[in-house]
Amino acid sequence: MPITQVTQDPDALSLTVVGEYPVSRRRLWQAWVDPRQLEQFWGPPTWPATFTRHEVFPGGRSHYFMRGPDDTMSPGYWEFTCVQEGHSFEVINGFANQDETINEDLPTMRMSIRFEGDATSSRFIATTSYNSLEEMEQMVAMGMAEGMREAVSQMDAVLADLTTFSAEVPARAQLLGPRKVRISRVIDGPVDLVWRAHHEPNLLRTWLLGPDGWRMTVCEVATTPGQSYRYEWASDNNEPGFGFTGELLTMTAPFHEVTTEQMIGVQGEPSRNELTLSPFGKATLLTLVITYPSQEVRDTVLGTGMTEGMETSYRRLEREVLQAA
């Protein structure tokens, strides 16, 4: 079933939306955790959303923009204040400027999403709380209640799709803008172990190799913000070697880190990599948002077969590290 209830309560300064579905609570939770799925229903049909950041852990943030039929953009953000994996999360929900800074001219709201149910049926209860009656009336006048009804009514099609977001689907790249790319992959292993595999040299040397026939010769890992890392590879077939270096900017283990990345020997502005790991049942949803210096650099890198090489590495990660654990 789709949306079953939309209730405005001026006394409690709240708007509550309830949706019921013939899927497990875990499946419903995943639809909100995975930005690829969330952006299919967070935003009315004529104002589809794109999430450029989605970090479902306490202290994490999400950034998104909705694009209207006349190409008008409406950016927003979530700031996660509480997350109970599989059961609920709470965010501060607000408007943003084009550069993803907070829009101080519009109000913020507190949104709580609770998930209930079992293995065959479930529902979500989304409650938005306002700071004052004036702010609530302002949001209602802007069409928030009807917009949210239209938006989350699109969940039926997302939840019916059981194959697009499974662990068997290869890594894929999605363009988020002229310079941004999001790589997504469900990794068949728990978050803690996937995080370790990205940060322990003995594990990195096992799987981060790209196509067969390469070996990692240098593996210097950054462990605290401000440190630099350096990775280099050599070919068993006498192909030219290569490497990357960069700086660790921020880290929230075992969920999120931001690094720069520069190919060794290549001049110019580095790329910015934002890695997020999210619990996905017994698996891990890995999302990597890469911001390139320019669209030209983005297209050049994607044209090298980067995504296919990453998929080979992720399969090796599952086979050589996660299954052996």
Protein backbone atom coordinates (compact mmCIF):
# COMPACT_ATOMS: atom_id res chain seq x y z
CA MET A 1 0.00 0.00 0.00
CA PRO A 2 1.15 3.59 -0.57
CA ILE A 3 0.81 6.57 1.76
CA THR A 4 -1.96 5.88 4.29
CA GLN A 5 -1.91 9.04 6.39
CA VAL A 6 -0.89 12.70 6.18
CA THR A 7 -1.73 14.62 9.36
CA GLN A 8 -1.07 18.25 10.23
CA ASP A 9 -1.21 19.11 13.94
CA PRO A 10 -0.95 22.89 14.57
CA ASP A 11 -1.04 22.34 18.34
CA ALA A 12 1.96 19.99 18.26
CA LEU A 13 3.58 21.98 15.43
CA SER A 14 4.03 18.79 13.41
CA LEU A 15 3.33 17.09 10.10
CA THR A 16 3.16 13.28 10.09
CA VAL A 17 3.26 11.04 7.02
CA VAL A 18 2.71 7.27 7.25
CA GLY A 19 3.36 4.77 4.47
CA GLU A 20 2.69 1.01 4.56
CA TYR A 21 4.27 -1.54 2.20
CA PRO A 22 4.30 -5.34 1.64
CA VAL A 23 8.07 -5.55 2.16
CA SER A 24 10.33 -6.22 5.12
CA ARG A 25 11.34 -3.49 7.52
CA ARG A 26 14.93 -4.04 6.40
CA ARG A 27 13.98 -3.46 2.75
CA LEU A 28 12.15 -0.26 3.66
CA TRP A 29 15.14 0.98 5.69
CA GLN A 30 17.47 0.34 2.76
CA ALA A 31 15.38 2.55 0.50
CA TRP A 32 16.11 5.52 2.77
CA VAL A 33 19.79 4.68 3.36
CA ASP A 34 20.77 4.20 -0.29
CA PRO A 35 21.01 7.58 -2.08
CA ARG A 36 20.35 5.86 -5.43
CA GLN A 37 16.93 4.79 -4.12
CA LEU A 38 16.18 7.79 -1.93
CA GLU A 39 16.55 10.25 -4.78
CA GLN A 40 13.82 8.39 -6.66
CA PHE A 41 11.21 9.46 -4.13
CA TRP A 42 12.62 12.39 -2.16
CA GLY A 43 11.11 15.14 -4.25
CA PRO A 44 7.81 15.37 -6.18
CA PRO A 45 7.73 13.85 -9.68
CA THR A 46 8.26 17.26 -11.29
CA TRP A 47 11.07 18.14 -8.85
CA PRO A 48 13.33 15.04 -8.77
CA ALA A 49 16.16 14.96 -6.23
CA THR A 50 19.86 14.25 -6.61
CA PHE A 51 21.89 13.44 -3.49
CA THR A 52 25.52 14.54 -3.69
CA ARG A 53 26.17 13.41 -0.10
CA HIS A 54 24.33 10.97 2.18
CA GLU A 55 25.96 9.90 5.47
CA VAL A 56 23.56 7.93 7.66
CA PHE A 57 25.38 8.02 10.98
CA PRO A 58 25.24 10.41 13.96
CA GLY A 59 26.97 13.62 12.91
CA GLY A 60 26.69 12.72 9.22
CA ARG A 61 25.20 15.04 6.62
CA SER A 62 23.27 14.78 3.41
CA HIS A 63 23.23 17.36 0.63
CA TYR A 64 20.75 17.24 -2.21
CA PHE A 65 19.12 19.42 -4.79
CA MET A 66 15.73 19.18 -6.46
CA ARG A 67 15.48 20.35 -10.05
CA GLY A 68 12.22 21.83 -11.32
CA PRO A 69 10.69 21.63 -14.80
CA ASP A 70 12.14 25.04 -15.69
CA ASP A 71 15.60 23.87 -14.50
CA THR A 72 15.27 25.80 -11.24
CA MET A 73 17.30 24.19 -8.44
CA SER A 74 16.21 23.94 -4.80
CA PRO A 75 19.08 22.68 -2.59
CA GLY A 76 18.61 21.20 0.87
CA TYR A 77 20.48 19.34 3.59
CA TRP A 78 20.01 16.86 6.43
CA GLU A 79 22.12 16.77 9.57
CA PHE A 80 21.83 13.39 11.31
CA THR A 81 21.42 13.73 15.08
CA CYS A 82 20.45 10.14 15.89
CA VAL A 83 20.60 6.83 13.99
CA GLN A 84 19.38 3.43 15.20
CA GLU A 85 20.34 1.15 12.33
CA GLY A 86 17.31 -0.55 10.81
CA HIS A 87 14.84 1.18 13.16
CA SER A 88 14.94 4.99 13.05
CA PHE A 89 16.86 8.16 12.38
CA GLU A 90 16.42 11.83 13.17
CA VAL A 91 17.71 14.78 11.17
CA ILE A 92 17.68 18.53 11.12
CA ASN A 93 16.14 19.29 7.74
CA GLY A 94 16.85 22.64 6.13
CA PHE A 95 17.34 24.63 2.98
CA ALA A 96 20.74 25.31 1.44
CA ASN A 97 22.37 27.69 -0.99
CA GLN A 98 23.83 26.64 -4.34
CA ASP A 99 27.25 26.15 -2.71
CA GLU A 100 25.69 23.78 -0.11
CA THR A 101 25.98 26.29 2.74
CA ILE A 102 22.95 26.71 5.00
CA ASN A 103 20.28 29.14 3.81
CA GLU A 104 19.71 31.23 6.93
CA ASP A 105 16.69 33.01 5.40
CA LEU A 106 14.47 29.91 5.58
CA PRO A 107 13.53 27.87 8.66
CA THR A 108 14.96 24.53 9.73
CA MET A 109 12.82 21.60 10.83
CA ARG A 110 13.42 18.43 12.82
CA MET A 111 12.41 15.23 11.04
CA SER A 112 12.11 11.81 12.64
CA ILE A 113 11.68 8.66 10.53
CA ARG A 114 10.64 5.50 12.39
CA PHE A 115 10.42 2.04 10.78
CA GLU A 116 8.09 -0.68 12.05
CA GLY A 117 7.17 -4.16 10.86
CA ASP A 118 8.50 -7.64 10.22
CA ALA A 119 9.79 -9.77 7.35
CA THR A 120 6.64 -9.43 5.24
CA SER A 121 5.12 -6.01 5.91
CA SER A 122 6.33 -2.70 7.26
CA ARG A 123 5.64 0.98 7.51
CA PHE A 124 7.47 4.23 8.08
CA ILE A 125 6.26 7.11 10.23
CA ALA A 126 7.85 10.42 9.23
CA THR A 127 7.21 13.28 11.64
CA THR A 128 8.39 16.79 10.87
CA SER A 129 8.44 19.20 13.81
CA TYR A 130 8.51 22.98 13.39
CA ASN A 131 9.92 25.68 15.62
CA SER A 132 6.79 27.85 15.59
CA LEU A 133 3.29 28.07 14.16
CA GLU A 134 4.47 30.83 11.82
CA GLU A 135 7.19 28.61 10.39
CA MET A 136 4.76 25.71 10.03
CA GLU A 137 2.29 27.91 8.16
CA GLN A 138 5.11 29.18 5.96
CA MET A 139 6.13 25.63 4.98
CA VAL A 140 2.52 24.58 4.36
CA ALA A 141 2.02 27.63 2.17
CA MET A 142 5.11 26.61 0.20
CA GLY A 143 3.41 23.27 -0.51
CA MET A 144 5.42 21.06 1.84
CA ALA A 145 2.55 18.75 2.87
CA GLU A 146 1.35 18.04 -0.65
CA GLY A 147 4.89 17.89 -1.96
CA MET A 148 5.86 15.27 0.58
CA ARG A 149 2.75 13.22 -0.21
CA GLU A 150 3.59 13.29 -3.92
CA ALA A 151 7.25 12.52 -3.25
CA VAL A 152 7.01 9.48 -1.00
CA SER A 153 4.08 8.10 -3.01
CA GLN A 154 6.76 7.14 -5.54
CA MET A 155 8.23 4.58 -3.12
CA ASP A 156 6.10 1.71 -4.43
CA ALA A 157 8.11 1.39 -7.63
CA VAL A 158 11.42 1.65 -5.76
CA LEU A 159 10.51 -1.07 -3.27
CA ALA A 160 9.26 -3.35 -6.04
CA ASP A 161 12.75 -3.34 -7.59
CA LEU A 162 14.59 -6.25 -5.95
CA THR A 163 17.49 -6.60 -8.37
CA THR A 164 18.91 -3.16 -9.14
CA PHE A 165 20.35 -2.67 -5.66
CA SER A 166 21.44 -6.17 -4.67
CA ALA A 167 24.92 -7.40 -3.80
CA GLU A 168 25.17 -9.12 -7.18
CA VAL A 169 24.98 -5.84 -9.13
CA PRO A 170 28.42 -4.56 -10.30
CA ALA A 171 29.84 -1.19 -9.35
CA ARG A 172 28.37 1.59 -11.44
CA ALA A 173 29.03 5.27 -11.98
CA GLN A 174 26.35 7.96 -11.92
CA LEU A 175 26.99 11.54 -13.01
CA LEU A 176 25.85 13.99 -10.32
CA GLY A 177 26.94 17.16 -12.11
CA PRO A 178 29.58 18.54 -14.47
CA ARG A 179 32.41 17.46 -12.16
CA LYS A 180 30.86 14.94 -9.75
CA VAL A 181 30.55 11.16 -10.11
CA ARG A 182 29.10 8.69 -7.63
CA ILE A 183 30.37 5.10 -7.60
CA SER A 184 27.99 2.71 -5.80
CA ARG A 185 28.42 -0.95 -4.85
CA VAL A 186 26.87 -3.27 -2.27
CA ILE A 187 29.79 -5.15 -0.71
CA ASP A 188 29.02 -8.61 0.71
CA GLY A 189 30.52 -8.05 4.15
CA PRO A 190 30.01 -6.03 7.36
CA VAL A 191 30.92 -2.34 7.63
CA ASP A 192 33.72 -2.81 10.18
CA LEU A 193 35.56 -5.32 8.00
CA VAL A 194 35.06 -3.33 4.79
CA TRP A 195 36.49 -0.29 6.59
CA ARG A 196 39.51 -2.29 7.78
CA ALA A 197 40.07 -3.55 4.25
CA HIS A 198 40.35 0.07 3.10
CA HIS A 199 42.81 1.09 5.84
CA GLU A 200 45.07 -1.84 6.75
CA PRO A 201 48.08 -2.21 4.40
CA ASN A 202 48.14 -6.02 4.52
CA LEU A 203 44.50 -6.14 3.41
CA LEU A 204 44.79 -3.34 0.84
CA ARG A 205 47.66 -5.16 -0.87
CA THR A 206 45.38 -8.18 -1.26
CA TRP A 207 42.50 -6.61 -3.18
CA LEU A 208 43.16 -3.03 -4.37
CA LEU A 209 44.84 -4.15 -7.58
CA GLY A 210 42.45 -3.38 -10.44
CA PRO A 211 42.72 -5.79 -13.40
CA ASP A 212 44.59 -9.06 -12.99
CA GLY A 213 48.33 -8.86 -13.55
CA TRP A 214 49.05 -5.92 -11.22
CA ARG A 215 50.58 -5.78 -7.75
CA MET A 216 50.78 -3.00 -5.16
CA THR A 217 54.39 -1.99 -4.54
CA VAL A 218 53.84 1.01 -2.25
CA CYS A 219 51.06 1.17 0.36
CA GLU A 220 51.46 4.10 2.75
CA VAL A 221 48.13 4.67 4.51
CA ALA A 222 47.03 7.93 6.15
CA THR A 223 45.52 7.27 9.58
CA THR A 224 44.76 10.76 10.90
CA PRO A 225 43.52 13.95 9.17
CA GLY A 226 46.38 15.98 7.76
CA GLN A 227 48.50 12.95 6.90
CA SER A 228 49.38 12.00 3.34
CA TYR A 229 48.97 8.60 1.69
CA ARG A 230 50.76 7.06 -1.29
CA TYR A 231 49.81 4.01 -3.35
CA GLU A 232 51.79 2.63 -6.30
CA TRP A 233 51.30 -0.36 -8.61
CA ALA A 234 53.53 -2.32 -10.98
CA SER A 235 52.57 -4.64 -13.83
CA ASP A 236 53.60 -8.26 -14.24
CA ASN A 237 53.48 -7.68 -18.01
CA ASN A 238 56.01 -4.83 -18.17
CA GLU A 239 53.33 -2.15 -18.58
CA PRO A 240 54.20 1.28 -17.16
CA GLY A 241 53.53 1.53 -13.45
CA PHE A 242 51.48 4.30 -11.82
CA GLY A 243 50.44 5.64 -8.44
CA PHE A 244 48.34 8.10 -6.48
CA THR A 245 49.01 10.33 -3.55
CA GLY A 246 46.84 12.65 -1.50
CA GLU A 247 45.83 13.93 1.92
CA LEU A 248 43.31 12.60 4.43
CA LEU A 249 41.03 15.56 5.18
CA THR A 250 38.41 14.11 7.56
CA MET A 251 37.62 10.69 9.01
CA THR A 252 34.71 9.26 11.00
CA ALA A 253 35.49 5.56 11.37
CA PRO A 254 34.03 3.22 10.27
CA PHE A 255 31.59 5.19 8.14
CA HIS A 256 33.13 8.10 6.30
CA GLU A 257 36.32 9.76 5.11
CA VAL A 258 37.30 12.53 2.72
CA THR A 259 40.61 12.53 0.85
CA THR A 260 42.28 14.32 -2.03
CA GLU A 261 43.77 12.30 -4.88
CA GLN A 262 46.46 13.17 -7.40
CA MET A 263 48.12 10.87 -9.92
CA ILE A 264 51.86 10.85 -9.29
CA GLY A 265 53.69 12.85 -11.92
CA VAL A 266 50.59 14.71 -13.13
CA GLN A 267 50.29 18.41 -12.39
CA GLY A 268 47.07 20.24 -11.61
CA GLU A 269 44.32 20.39 -9.02
CA PRO A 270 43.63 17.10 -7.19
CA SER A 271 40.30 15.32 -7.10
CA ARG A 272 38.26 15.08 -3.91
CA ASN A 273 37.00 11.65 -2.80
CA GLU A 274 34.19 11.16 -0.26
CA LEU A 275 33.84 7.53 0.85
CA THR A 276 30.76 6.48 2.82
CA LEU A 277 30.03 2.98 4.19
CA SER A 278 26.49 2.22 5.36
CA PRO A 279 25.09 -0.97 6.95
CA PHE A 280 22.92 -2.75 4.37
CA GLY A 281 21.55 -5.78 6.16
CA LYS A 282 24.52 -8.13 6.55
CA ALA A 283 26.28 -6.29 3.72
CA THR A 284 27.73 -2.80 3.27
CA LEU A 285 26.62 -0.09 0.86
CA LEU A 286 29.74 1.64 -0.43
CA THR A 287 29.34 5.04 -2.08
CA LEU A 288 32.27 7.05 -3.39
CA VAL A 289 31.55 10.58 -4.59
CA ILE A 290 34.43 11.95 -6.66
CA THR A 291 34.70 15.64 -7.50
CA TYR A 292 37.11 16.22 -10.40
CA PRO A 293 38.88 19.51 -11.22
CA SER A 294 36.89 19.82 -14.45
CA GLN A 295 34.39 18.00 -16.63
CA GLU A 296 37.18 17.25 -19.09
CA VAL A 297 39.21 15.45 -16.42
CA ARG A 298 36.10 13.58 -15.27
CA ASP A 299 35.35 12.31 -18.77
CA THR A 300 38.98 11.36 -19.38
CA VAL A 301 39.18 9.31 -16.18
CA LEU A 302 35.87 7.55 -16.78
CA GLY A 303 37.02 6.76 -20.31
CA THR A 304 39.96 4.73 -18.97
CA GLY A 305 37.65 1.98 -17.70
CA MET A 306 37.98 3.10 -14.08
CA THR A 307 34.60 1.69 -13.02
CA GLU A 308 35.33 -1.73 -14.50
CA GLY A 309 38.70 -1.80 -12.73
CA MET A 310 37.04 -0.90 -9.44
CA GLU A 311 34.50 -3.70 -9.91
CA THR A 312 37.33 -6.20 -10.40
CA SER A 313 38.90 -4.98 -7.16
CA TYR A 314 35.61 -5.15 -5.23
CA ARG A 315 35.02 -8.73 -6.37
CA ARG A 316 38.54 -9.57 -5.24
CA LEU A 317 37.80 -7.85 -1.90
CA GLU A 318 34.78 -10.10 -1.37
CA ARG A 319 36.61 -13.22 -2.47
CA GLU A 320 40.04 -12.77 -0.87
CA VAL A 321 39.29 -10.73 2.27
CA LEU A 322 35.65 -10.91 3.33
CA GLN A 323 35.00 -14.59 2.62
CA ALA A 324 38.28 -15.53 4.30
CA ALA A 325 37.46 -13.58 7.49
